[in-house]
């Protein structure tokens, strides 16, 4: 078992936070990562709520919730294409 003094600091040179930043791929803009996270969250919430409504017997609200999946996937496709078209 490691002692607390042997763990690297969270911030500063050689810290855990700087190691996480260095693992991020070069050339991927931050807005692309934010849009991916938001899109995946939107898709998962839409499907989860739709399934819960469907289990509850509410078919029309479930279909509306399933339809709300589409803007999330459209956001991801739009942002991915925009990032691919950027020079550099």
PDB file of N, CA and C in Angstrom:
ATOM      1  N   UNK A   1       0.841  -1.177   0.000  1.00  0.00           N
ATOM      2  CA  UNK A   1       0.000   0.000   0.000  1.00  0.00           C
ATOM      3  C   UNK A   1       0.882   1.234   0.000  1.00  0.00           C
ATOM      4  N   UNK A   2       0.520   2.188  -0.834  1.00  0.00           N
ATOM      5  CA  UNK A   2       1.320   3.399  -0.968  1.00  0.00           C
ATOM      6  C   UNK A   2       0.951   4.385   0.124  1.00  0.00           C
ATOM      7  N   UNK A   3       1.944   5.082   0.592  1.00  0.00           N
ATOM      8  CA  UNK A   3       1.667   6.108   1.601  1.00  0.00           C
ATOM      9  C   UNK A   3       1.166   7.356   0.896  1.00  0.00           C
ATOM     10  N   UNK A   4       0.392   8.202   1.594  1.00  0.00           N
ATOM     11  CA  UNK A   4      -0.137   9.418   0.963  1.00  0.00           C
ATOM     12  C   UNK A   4       0.945  10.350   0.453  1.00  0.00           C
ATOM     13  N   UNK A   5       2.136  10.304   1.041  1.00  0.00           N
ATOM     14  CA  UNK A   5       3.195  11.198   0.592  1.00  0.00           C
ATOM     15  C   UNK A   5       3.797  10.762  -0.737  1.00  0.00           C
ATOM     16  N   UNK A   6       3.563   9.520  -1.168  1.00  0.00           N
ATOM     17  CA  UNK A   6       4.144   9.055  -2.421  1.00  0.00           C
ATOM     18  C   UNK A   6       3.254   9.328  -3.623  1.00  0.00           C
ATOM     19  N   UNK A   7       2.036   9.803  -3.414  1.00  0.00           N
ATOM     20  CA  UNK A   7       1.159  10.120  -4.534  1.00  0.00           C
ATOM     21  C   UNK A   7       1.530  11.480  -5.096  1.00  0.00           C
ATOM     22  N   UNK A   8       1.438  11.655  -6.409  1.00  0.00           N
ATOM     23  CA  UNK A   8       1.796  12.949  -6.985  1.00  0.00           C
ATOM     24  C   UNK A   8       0.754  14.003  -6.603  1.00  0.00           C
ATOM     25  N   UNK A   9       1.160  15.260  -6.564  1.00  0.00           N
ATOM     26  CA  UNK A   9       0.195  16.322  -6.257  1.00  0.00           C
ATOM     27  C   UNK A   9      -0.823  16.444  -7.377  1.00  0.00           C
ATOM     28  N   UNK A  10      -1.974  17.032  -7.054  1.00  0.00           N
ATOM     29  CA  UNK A  10      -3.021  17.170  -8.055  1.00  0.00           C
ATOM     30  C   UNK A  10      -2.678  18.250  -9.066  1.00  0.00           C
ATOM     31  N   UNK A  11      -2.179  19.370  -8.596  1.00  0.00           N
ATOM     32  CA  UNK A  11      -1.850  20.489  -9.481  1.00  0.00           C
ATOM     33  C   UNK A  11      -0.353  20.744  -9.431  1.00  0.00           C
ATOM     34  N   UNK A  12       0.144  21.506 -10.382  1.00  0.00           N
ATOM     35  CA  UNK A  12       1.560  21.831 -10.416  1.00  0.00           C
ATOM     36  C   UNK A  12       2.292  20.943 -11.409  1.00  0.00           C
ATOM     37  N   UNK A  13       3.581  21.160 -11.557  1.00  0.00           N
ATOM     38  CA  UNK A  13       4.352  20.357 -12.509  1.00  0.00           C
ATOM     39  C   UNK A  13       4.362  18.884 -12.101  1.00  0.00           C
ATOM     40  N   UNK A  14       4.040  18.033 -13.022  1.00  0.00           N
ATOM     41  CA  UNK A  14       4.011  16.602 -12.750  1.00  0.00           C
ATOM     42  C   UNK A  14       2.785  16.155 -11.993  1.00  0.00           C
ATOM     43  N   UNK A  15       1.829  17.053 -11.800  1.00  0.00           N
ATOM     44  CA  UNK A  15       0.617  16.707 -11.063  1.00  0.00           C
ATOM     45  C   UNK A  15      -0.351  15.922 -11.903  1.00  0.00           C
ATOM     46  N   UNK A  16      -1.350  15.357 -11.236  1.00  0.00           N
ATOM     47  CA  UNK A  16      -2.334  14.520 -11.923  1.00  0.00           C
ATOM     48  C   UNK A  16      -3.143  15.334 -12.926  1.00  0.00           C
ATOM     49  N   UNK A  17      -3.458  16.599 -12.597  1.00  0.00           N
ATOM     50  CA  UNK A  17      -4.250  17.419 -13.513  1.00  0.00           C
ATOM     51  C   UNK A  17      -3.476  17.693 -14.802  1.00  0.00           C
ATOM     52  N   UNK A  18      -2.178  17.934 -14.700  1.00  0.00           N
ATOM     53  CA  UNK A  18      -1.397  18.187 -15.908  1.00  0.00           C
ATOM     54  C   UNK A  18      -1.227  16.909 -16.726  1.00  0.00           C
ATOM     55  N   UNK A  19      -1.241  15.752 -16.085  1.00  0.00           N
ATOM     56  CA  UNK A  19      -1.150  14.496 -16.831  1.00  0.00           C
ATOM     57  C   UNK A  19      -2.427  14.250 -17.624  1.00  0.00           C
ATOM     58  N   UNK A  20      -3.586  14.619 -17.065  1.00  0.00           N
ATOM     59  CA  UNK A  20      -4.841  14.440 -17.787  1.00  0.00           C
ATOM     60  C   UNK A  20      -4.900  15.335 -19.005  1.00  0.00           C
ATOM     61  N   UNK A  21      -4.423  16.568 -18.880  1.00  0.00           N
ATOM     62  CA  UNK A  21      -4.425  17.491 -20.012  1.00  0.00           C
ATOM     63  C   UNK A  21      -3.507  16.968 -21.103  1.00  0.00           C
ATOM     64  N   UNK A  22      -2.399  16.358 -20.735  1.00  0.00           N
ATOM     65  CA  UNK A  22      -1.472  15.864 -21.746  1.00  0.00           C
ATOM     66  C   UNK A  22      -2.025  14.640 -22.477  1.00  0.00           C
ATOM     67  N   UNK A  23      -3.035  13.965 -21.922  1.00  0.00           N
ATOM     68  CA  UNK A  23      -3.624  12.810 -22.584  1.00  0.00           C
ATOM     69  C   UNK A  23      -4.638  13.203 -23.648  1.00  0.00           C
ATOM     70  N   UNK A  24      -5.064  14.479 -23.663  1.00  0.00           N
ATOM     71  CA  UNK A  24      -6.027  14.932 -24.649  1.00  0.00           C
ATOM     72  C   UNK A  24      -5.359  14.989 -26.016  1.00  0.00           C
ATOM     73  N   UNK A  25      -6.004  14.431 -27.046  1.00  0.00           N
ATOM     74  CA  UNK A  25      -5.387  14.423 -28.378  1.00  0.00           C
ATOM     75  C   UNK A  25      -5.193  15.835 -28.923  1.00  0.00           C
ATOM     76  N   UNK A  26      -4.115  16.025 -29.646  1.00  0.00           N
ATOM     77  CA  UNK A  26      -3.854  17.318 -30.265  1.00  0.00           C
ATOM     78  C   UNK A  26      -4.773  17.503 -31.466  1.00  0.00           C
ATOM     79  N   UNK A  27      -5.179  18.732 -31.705  1.00  0.00           N
ATOM     80  CA  UNK A  27      -5.968  19.050 -32.875  1.00  0.00           C
ATOM     81  C   UNK A  27      -7.470  18.910 -32.699  1.00  0.00           C
ATOM     82  N   UNK A  28      -7.942  18.464 -31.552  1.00  0.00           N
ATOM     83  CA  UNK A  28      -9.380  18.371 -31.323  1.00  0.00           C
ATOM     84  C   UNK A  28      -9.811  19.599 -30.533  1.00  0.00           C
ATOM     85  N   UNK A  29     -10.647  20.451 -31.131  1.00  0.00           N
ATOM     86  CA  UNK A  29     -11.072  21.648 -30.412  1.00  0.00           C
ATOM     87  C   UNK A  29     -11.969  21.298 -29.223  1.00  0.00           C
ATOM     88  N   UNK A  30     -11.954  22.168 -28.231  1.00  0.00           N
ATOM     89  CA  UNK A  30     -12.719  21.921 -27.006  1.00  0.00           C
ATOM     90  C   UNK A  30     -14.216  21.880 -27.282  1.00  0.00           C
ATOM     91  N   UNK A  31     -14.702  22.714 -28.217  1.00  0.00           N
ATOM     92  CA  UNK A  31     -16.141  22.714 -28.491  1.00  0.00           C
ATOM     93  C   UNK A  31     -16.613  21.372 -29.034  1.00  0.00           C
ATOM     94  N   UNK A  32     -15.733  20.657 -29.710  1.00  0.00           N
ATOM     95  CA  UNK A  32     -16.098  19.340 -30.235  1.00  0.00           C
ATOM     96  C   UNK A  32     -16.306  18.351 -29.093  1.00  0.00           C
ATOM     97  N   UNK A  33     -15.449  18.401 -28.104  1.00  0.00           N
ATOM     98  CA  UNK A  33     -15.599  17.512 -26.955  1.00  0.00           C
ATOM     99  C   UNK A  33     -16.856  17.843 -26.161  1.00  0.00           C
ATOM    100  N   UNK A  34     -17.122  19.142 -25.987  1.00  0.00           N
ATOM    101  CA  UNK A  34     -18.330  19.560 -25.260  1.00  0.00           C
ATOM    102  C   UNK A  34     -19.581  19.131 -26.025  1.00  0.00           C
ATOM    103  N   UNK A  35     -19.566  19.299 -27.342  1.00  0.00           N
ATOM    104  CA  UNK A  35     -20.727  18.907 -28.145  1.00  0.00           C
ATOM    105  C   UNK A  35     -20.935  17.396 -28.119  1.00  0.00           C
ATOM    106  N   UNK A  36     -19.858  16.629 -28.121  1.00  0.00           N
ATOM    107  CA  UNK A  36     -19.989  15.169 -28.037  1.00  0.00           C
ATOM    108  C   UNK A  36     -20.624  14.758 -26.714  1.00  0.00           C
ATOM    109  N   UNK A  37     -20.155  15.357 -25.623  1.00  0.00           N
ATOM    110  CA  UNK A  37     -20.701  15.019 -24.301  1.00  0.00           C
ATOM    111  C   UNK A  37     -22.167  15.400 -24.217  1.00  0.00           C
ATOM    112  N   UNK A  38     -22.502  16.616 -24.671  1.00  0.00           N
ATOM    113  CA  UNK A  38     -23.895  17.070 -24.621  1.00  0.00           C
ATOM    114  C   UNK A  38     -24.782  16.199 -25.503  1.00  0.00           C
ATOM    115  N   UNK A  39     -24.278  15.811 -26.654  1.00  0.00           N
ATOM    116  CA  UNK A  39     -25.058  14.985 -27.566  1.00  0.00           C
ATOM    117  C   UNK A  39     -25.317  13.601 -26.986  1.00  0.00           C
ATOM    118  N   UNK A  40     -24.299  12.994 -26.415  1.00  0.00           N
ATOM    119  CA  UNK A  40     -24.474  11.668 -25.820  1.00  0.00           C
ATOM    120  C   UNK A  40     -25.429  11.734 -24.636  1.00  0.00           C
ATOM    121  N   UNK A  41     -25.324  12.775 -23.824  1.00  0.00           N
ATOM    122  CA  UNK A  41     -26.261  12.937 -22.705  1.00  0.00           C
ATOM    123  C   UNK A  41     -27.696  13.105 -23.208  1.00  0.00           C
ATOM    124  N   UNK A  42     -27.870  13.927 -24.237  1.00  0.00           N
ATOM    125  CA  UNK A  42     -29.207  14.127 -24.791  1.00  0.00           C
ATOM    126  C   UNK A  42     -29.798  12.848 -25.359  1.00  0.00           C
ATOM    127  N   UNK A  43     -28.975  12.090 -26.075  1.00  0.00           N
ATOM    128  CA  UNK A  43     -29.460  10.830 -26.641  1.00  0.00           C
ATOM    129  C   UNK A  43     -29.819   9.835 -25.545  1.00  0.00           C
ATOM    130  N   UNK A  44     -28.987   9.750 -24.527  1.00  0.00           N
ATOM    131  CA  UNK A  44     -29.266   8.774 -23.466  1.00  0.00           C
ATOM    132  C   UNK A  44     -30.500   9.153 -22.662  1.00  0.00           C
ATOM    133  N   UNK A  45     -30.669  10.442 -22.366  1.00  0.00           N
ATOM    134  CA  UNK A  45     -31.872  10.860 -21.642  1.00  0.00           C
ATOM    135  C   UNK A  45     -33.130  10.635 -22.472  1.00  0.00           C
ATOM    136  N   UNK A  46     -33.059  10.935 -23.768  1.00  0.00           N
ATOM    137  CA  UNK A  46     -34.228  10.750 -24.624  1.00  0.00           C
ATOM    138  C   UNK A  46     -34.637   9.281 -24.679  1.00  0.00           C
ATOM    139  N   UNK A  47     -33.671   8.401 -24.838  1.00  0.00           N
ATOM    140  CA  UNK A  47     -33.993   6.976 -24.898  1.00  0.00           C
ATOM    141  C   UNK A  47     -34.467   6.442 -23.549  1.00  0.00           C
ATOM    142  N   UNK A  48     -33.828   6.877 -22.467  1.00  0.00           N
ATOM    143  CA  UNK A  48     -34.226   6.389 -21.144  1.00  0.00           C
ATOM    144  C   UNK A  48     -35.638   6.836 -20.789  1.00  0.00           C
ATOM    145  N   UNK A  49     -35.939   8.105 -21.028  1.00  0.00           N
ATOM    146  CA  UNK A  49     -37.284   8.604 -20.714  1.00  0.00           C
ATOM    147  C   UNK A  49     -38.307   7.949 -21.621  1.00  0.00           C
ATOM    148  N   UNK A  50     -37.957   7.773 -22.902  1.00  0.00           N
ATOM    149  CA  UNK A  50     -38.869   7.111 -23.821  1.00  0.00           C
ATOM    150  C   UNK A  50     -39.177   5.680 -23.408  1.00  0.00           C
ATOM    151  N   UNK A  51     -38.159   4.965 -22.974  1.00  0.00           N
ATOM    152  CA  UNK A  51     -38.390   3.585 -22.520  1.00  0.00           C
ATOM    153  C   UNK A  51     -39.235   3.537 -21.252  1.00  0.00           C
ATOM    154  N   UNK A  52     -38.968   4.447 -20.322  1.00  0.00           N
ATOM    155  CA  UNK A  52     -39.772   4.471 -19.103  1.00  0.00           C
ATOM    156  C   UNK A  52     -41.239   4.791 -19.404  1.00  0.00           C
ATOM    157  N   UNK A  53     -41.455   5.728 -20.317  1.00  0.00           N
ATOM    158  CA  UNK A  53     -42.829   6.055 -20.693  1.00  0.00           C
ATOM    159  C   UNK A  53     -43.493   4.892 -21.421  1.00  0.00           C
ATOM    160  N   UNK A  54     -42.737   4.197 -22.239  1.00  0.00           N
ATOM    161  CA  UNK A  54     -43.275   3.055 -22.963  1.00  0.00           C
ATOM    162  C   UNK A  54     -43.634   1.925 -22.011  1.00  0.00           C
ATOM    163  N   UNK A  55     -42.788   1.693 -21.012  1.00  0.00           N
ATOM    164  CA  UNK A  55     -43.093   0.681 -20.000  1.00  0.00           C
ATOM    165  C   UNK A  55     -44.342   1.071 -19.226  1.00  0.00           C
ATOM    166  N   UNK A  56     -44.508   2.375 -18.997  1.00  0.00           N
ATOM    167  CA  UNK A  56     -45.680   2.863 -18.284  1.00  0.00           C
ATOM    168  C   UNK A  56     -46.948   2.867 -19.118  1.00  0.00           C
ATOM    169  N   UNK A  57     -46.854   2.511 -20.387  1.00  0.00           N
ATOM    170  CA  UNK A  57     -48.038   2.439 -21.236  1.00  0.00           C
ATOM    171  C   UNK A  57     -48.401   3.743 -21.920  1.00  0.00           C
ATOM    172  N   UNK A  58     -47.555   4.731 -21.826  1.00  0.00           N
ATOM    173  CA  UNK A  58     -47.817   6.025 -22.463  1.00  0.00           C
ATOM    174  C   UNK A  58     -47.101   6.061 -23.810  1.00  0.00           C
ATOM    175  N   UNK A  59     -47.791   5.621 -24.836  1.00  0.00           N
ATOM    176  CA  UNK A  59     -47.149   5.418 -26.139  1.00  0.00           C
ATOM    177  C   UNK A  59     -46.828   6.739 -26.833  1.00  0.00           C
ATOM    178  N   UNK A  60     -47.765   7.667 -26.865  1.00  0.00           N
ATOM    179  CA  UNK A  60     -47.529   8.922 -27.592  1.00  0.00           C
ATOM    180  C   UNK A  60     -46.418   9.741 -26.928  1.00  0.00           C
ATOM    181  N   UNK A  61     -46.430   9.932 -25.593  1.00  0.00           N
ATOM    182  CA  UNK A  61     -45.289  10.644 -24.991  1.00  0.00           C
ATOM    183  C   UNK A  61     -43.962   9.908 -25.181  1.00  0.00           C
ATOM    184  N   UNK A  62     -44.005   8.575 -25.226  1.00  0.00           N
ATOM    185  CA  UNK A  62     -42.789   7.812 -25.472  1.00  0.00           C
ATOM    186  C   UNK A  62     -42.263   8.080 -26.876  1.00  0.00           C
ATOM    187  N   UNK A  63     -43.139   8.157 -27.850  1.00  0.00           N
ATOM    188  CA  UNK A  63     -42.708   8.456 -29.214  1.00  0.00           C
ATOM    189  C   UNK A  63     -42.132   9.868 -29.319  1.00  0.00           C
ATOM    190  N   UNK A  64     -42.715  10.795 -28.568  1.00  0.00           N
ATOM    191  CA  UNK A  64     -42.178  12.160 -28.553  1.00  0.00           C
ATOM    192  C   UNK A  64     -40.784  12.161 -27.934  1.00  0.00           C
ATOM    193  N   UNK A  65     -40.605  11.418 -26.853  1.00  0.00           N
ATOM    194  CA  UNK A  65     -39.285  11.330 -26.232  1.00  0.00           C
ATOM    195  C   UNK A  65     -38.280  10.678 -27.172  1.00  0.00           C
ATOM    196  N   UNK A  66     -38.704   9.634 -27.879  1.00  0.00           N
ATOM    197  CA  UNK A  66     -37.817   8.997 -28.859  1.00  0.00           C
ATOM    198  C   UNK A  66     -37.468   9.965 -29.992  1.00  0.00           C
ATOM    199  N   UNK A  67     -38.414  10.808 -30.385  1.00  0.00           N
ATOM    200  CA  UNK A  67     -38.159  11.785 -31.446  1.00  0.00           C
ATOM    201  C   UNK A  67     -37.144  12.835 -30.998  1.00  0.00           C
ATOM    202  N   UNK A  68     -37.061  13.086 -29.696  1.00  0.00           N
ATOM    203  CA  UNK A  68     -36.081  14.050 -29.195  1.00  0.00           C
ATOM    204  C   UNK A  68     -34.655  13.512 -29.252  1.00  0.00           C
ATOM    205  N   UNK A  69     -34.504  12.274 -29.653  1.00  0.00           N
ATOM    206  CA  UNK A  69     -33.188  11.697 -29.911  1.00  0.00           C
ATOM    207  C   UNK A  69     -32.557  12.351 -31.143  1.00  0.00           C
ATOM    208  N   UNK A  70     -33.386  12.693 -32.112  1.00  0.00           N
ATOM    209  CA  UNK A  70     -32.889  13.194 -33.394  1.00  0.00           C
ATOM    210  C   UNK A  70     -32.106  14.503 -33.301  1.00  0.00           C
ATOM    211  N   UNK A  71     -32.562  15.511 -32.523  1.00  0.00           N
ATOM    212  CA  UNK A  71     -31.736  16.722 -32.430  1.00  0.00           C
ATOM    213  C   UNK A  71     -30.360  16.464 -31.820  1.00  0.00           C
ATOM    214  N   UNK A  72     -30.275  15.522 -30.926  1.00  0.00           N
ATOM    215  CA  UNK A  72     -28.976  15.227 -30.311  1.00  0.00           C
ATOM    216  C   UNK A  72     -28.014  14.608 -31.317  1.00  0.00           C
ATOM    217  N   UNK A  73     -28.485  13.670 -32.098  1.00  0.00           N
ATOM    218  CA  UNK A  73     -27.607  13.055 -33.097  1.00  0.00           C
ATOM    219  C   UNK A  73     -27.291  14.063 -34.210  1.00  0.00           C
ATOM    220  N   UNK A  74     -28.243  14.935 -34.528  1.00  0.00           N
ATOM    221  CA  UNK A  74     -27.997  15.962 -35.540  1.00  0.00           C
ATOM    222  C   UNK A  74     -26.935  16.948 -35.067  1.00  0.00           C
ATOM    223  N   UNK A  75     -26.960  17.284 -33.779  1.00  0.00           N
ATOM    224  CA  UNK A  75     -25.933  18.167 -33.232  1.00  0.00           C
ATOM    225  C   UNK A  75     -24.555  17.541 -33.374  1.00  0.00           C
ATOM    226  N   UNK A  76     -24.450  16.272 -33.055  1.00  0.00           N
ATOM    227  CA  UNK A  76     -23.154  15.602 -33.152  1.00  0.00           C
ATOM    228  C   UNK A  76     -22.670  15.553 -34.602  1.00  0.00           C
ATOM    229  N   UNK A  77     -23.545  15.224 -35.519  1.00  0.00           N
ATOM    230  CA  UNK A  77     -23.159  15.142 -36.934  1.00  0.00           C
ATOM    231  C   UNK A  77     -22.727  16.513 -37.446  1.00  0.00           C
ATOM    232  N   UNK A  78     -23.478  17.559 -37.081  1.00  0.00           N
ATOM    233  CA  UNK A  78     -23.161  18.914 -37.536  1.00  0.00           C
ATOM    234  C   UNK A  78     -21.797  19.359 -37.013  1.00  0.00           C
ATOM    235  N   UNK A  79     -21.553  19.165 -35.733  1.00  0.00           N
ATOM    236  CA  UNK A  79     -20.293  19.615 -35.139  1.00  0.00           C
ATOM    237  C   UNK A  79     -19.115  18.807 -35.674  1.00  0.00           C
ATOM    238  N   UNK A  80     -19.303  17.505 -35.861  1.00  0.00           N
ATOM    239  CA  UNK A  80     -18.226  16.674 -36.415  1.00  0.00           C
ATOM    240  C   UNK A  80     -17.882  17.118 -37.842  1.00  0.00           C
ATOM    241  N   UNK A  81     -18.885  17.401 -38.641  1.00  0.00           N
ATOM    242  CA  UNK A  81     -18.620  17.851 -40.012  1.00  0.00           C
ATOM    243  C   UNK A  81     -17.963  19.220 -40.024  1.00  0.00           C
ATOM    244  N   UNK A  82     -18.420  20.104 -39.124  1.00  0.00           N
ATOM    245  CA  UNK A  82     -17.821  21.446 -39.046  1.00  0.00           C
ATOM    246  C   UNK A  82     -16.351  21.355 -38.638  1.00  0.00           C
ATOM    247  N   UNK A  83     -16.042  20.492 -37.693  1.00  0.00           N
ATOM    248  CA  UNK A  83     -14.658  20.339 -37.246  1.00  0.00           C
ATOM    249  C   UNK A  83     -13.798  19.692 -38.339  1.00  0.00           C
ATOM    250  N   UNK A  84     -14.368  18.786 -39.105  1.00  0.00           N
ATOM    251  CA  UNK A  84     -13.611  18.135 -40.176  1.00  0.00           C
ATOM    252  C   UNK A  84     -13.323  19.097 -41.312  1.00  0.00           C
ATOM    253  N   UNK A  85     -14.198  20.085 -41.512  1.00  0.00           N
ATOM    254  CA  UNK A  85     -14.018  21.044 -42.605  1.00  0.00           C
ATOM    255  C   UNK A  85     -13.047  22.170 -42.249  1.00  0.00           C
ATOM    256  N   UNK A  86     -12.733  22.325 -40.957  1.00  0.00           N
ATOM    257  CA  UNK A  86     -11.809  23.379 -40.550  1.00  0.00           C
ATOM    258  C   UNK A  86     -10.406  23.088 -41.047  1.00  0.00           C
ATOM    259  N   UNK A  87      -9.728  24.123 -41.531  1.00  0.00           N
ATOM    260  CA  UNK A  87      -8.331  23.901 -41.957  1.00  0.00           C
ATOM    261  C   UNK A  87      -7.437  23.699 -40.737  1.00  0.00           C
ATOM    262  N   UNK A  88      -6.473  22.841 -40.887  1.00  0.00           N
ATOM    263  CA  UNK A  88      -5.511  22.665 -39.800  1.00  0.00           C
ATOM    264  C   UNK A  88      -5.699  21.392 -39.148  1.00  0.00           C
TER     265      UNK A  88
END
